[in-house]
Amino acid sequence: MSQESEDILRRSLDVIDNIRRRILLAGYLTVLGTFGAFLWLSYVARTSDSLKRMLSAVVLALTCVIAWSTFALAIFIVRMTQRILRAIDLATRK
């Protein structure tokens, strides 16, 4: 494998690592937000008779669950991309 190809592969792996770190940070914030949204939903359900407030809490909680699912999918894609790039790196070494 040429030096240029190795440099490109190394940069690709570095970019994937940086993306993974950012996705993990955003994902942990999403998880905390989801727990917060469900705590707020529980609070609103116990203390309020307002249908508008209850509907707002439900929509926020469902939106957070969708974001959490998207986070899980993004982590899966990043891990698979990283494994493929590492496999290419190992296959091309002598």
Protein backbone atom coordinates (compact mmCIF):
# COMPACT_ATOMS: atom_id res chain seq x y z
CA MET A 1 0.00 0.00 0.00
CA SER A 2 1.36 3.39 -0.92
CA GLN A 3 2.14 6.09 1.62
CA GLU A 4 -0.60 8.29 0.16
CA SER A 5 -3.24 5.59 0.65
CA GLU A 6 -2.10 5.01 4.22
CA ASP A 7 -2.32 8.73 4.97
CA ILE A 8 -5.83 8.91 3.55
CA LEU A 9 -6.92 5.88 5.57
CA ARG A 10 -5.35 7.29 8.77
CA ARG A 11 -7.10 10.64 8.28
CA SER A 12 -10.39 8.84 7.67
CA LEU A 13 -10.01 6.90 10.91
CA ASP A 14 -9.17 10.11 12.78
CA VAL A 15 -12.26 11.85 11.38
CA ILE A 16 -14.45 8.91 12.39
CA ASP A 17 -13.01 9.06 15.93
CA ASN A 18 -13.77 12.78 16.18
CA ILE A 19 -17.31 12.28 14.92
CA ARG A 20 -17.81 9.45 17.41
CA ARG A 21 -16.78 11.69 20.30
CA ARG A 22 -19.20 14.43 19.26
CA ILE A 23 -22.04 11.97 18.74
CA LEU A 24 -21.45 10.42 22.15
CA LEU A 25 -21.58 13.84 23.83
CA ALA A 26 -24.76 14.80 21.99
CA GLY A 27 -26.24 11.37 22.73
CA TYR A 28 -25.62 11.62 26.46
CA LEU A 29 -27.26 15.04 26.46
CA THR A 30 -30.21 13.51 24.61
CA VAL A 31 -30.52 10.75 27.19
CA LEU A 32 -30.50 13.30 30.02
CA GLY A 33 -33.05 15.39 28.15
CA THR A 34 -35.28 12.36 27.69
CA PHE A 35 -35.22 11.56 31.39
CA GLY A 36 -35.95 15.19 32.15
CA ALA A 37 -38.86 15.23 29.70
CA PHE A 38 -40.41 12.14 31.26
CA LEU A 39 -39.95 13.55 34.76
CA TRP A 40 -41.71 16.72 33.62
CA LEU A 41 -44.46 14.62 32.00
CA SER A 42 -44.94 12.76 35.28
CA TYR A 43 -45.08 16.04 37.19
CA VAL A 44 -47.60 17.59 34.78
CA ALA A 45 -49.77 14.47 34.86
CA ARG A 46 -49.96 14.61 38.67
CA THR A 47 -50.37 18.32 39.23
CA SER A 48 -52.14 19.89 36.25
CA ASP A 49 -55.61 19.65 34.75
CA SER A 50 -54.58 21.62 31.66
CA LEU A 51 -54.90 19.58 28.50
CA LYS A 52 -52.61 21.97 26.63
CA ARG A 53 -49.82 21.56 29.19
CA MET A 54 -50.25 17.77 29.23
CA LEU A 55 -50.13 17.59 25.43
CA SER A 56 -46.96 19.71 25.39
CA ALA A 57 -45.29 17.38 27.87
CA VAL A 58 -46.29 14.28 25.86
CA VAL A 59 -45.02 15.75 22.59
CA LEU A 60 -41.71 16.72 24.20
CA ALA A 61 -41.28 13.24 25.70
CA LEU A 62 -42.01 11.53 22.38
CA THR A 63 -39.65 13.85 20.53
CA CYS A 64 -36.90 12.99 22.99
CA VAL A 65 -37.51 9.26 22.49
CA ILE A 66 -37.19 9.74 18.73
CA ALA A 67 -33.94 11.66 19.26
CA TRP A 68 -32.68 8.87 21.52
CA SER A 69 -33.46 6.29 18.82
CA THR A 70 -31.63 8.42 16.25
CA PHE A 71 -28.64 8.56 18.60
CA ALA A 72 -28.58 4.77 18.84
CA LEU A 73 -28.68 4.44 15.06
CA ALA A 74 -25.89 7.00 14.62
CA ILE A 75 -23.68 5.13 17.10
CA PHE A 76 -24.29 1.90 15.19
CA ILE A 77 -23.36 3.51 11.85
CA VAL A 78 -20.20 5.10 13.26
CA ARG A 79 -19.05 1.82 14.81
CA MET A 80 -19.60 -0.10 11.59
CA THR A 81 -17.76 2.54 9.57
CA GLN A 82 -14.86 2.42 11.99
CA ARG A 83 -14.70 -1.38 11.81
CA ILE A 84 -14.74 -1.35 8.02
CA LEU A 85 -11.93 1.21 7.87
CA ARG A 86 -9.85 -0.75 10.37
CA ALA A 87 -10.44 -3.96 8.40
CA ILE A 88 -9.23 -2.22 5.25
CA ASP A 89 -6.20 -0.97 7.16
CA LEU A 90 -5.36 -4.46 8.43
CA ALA A 91 -5.96 -6.11 5.06
CA THR A 92 -3.58 -3.77 3.27
CA ARG A 93 -0.68 -4.10 5.72
CA LYS A 94 2.08 -6.49 4.88
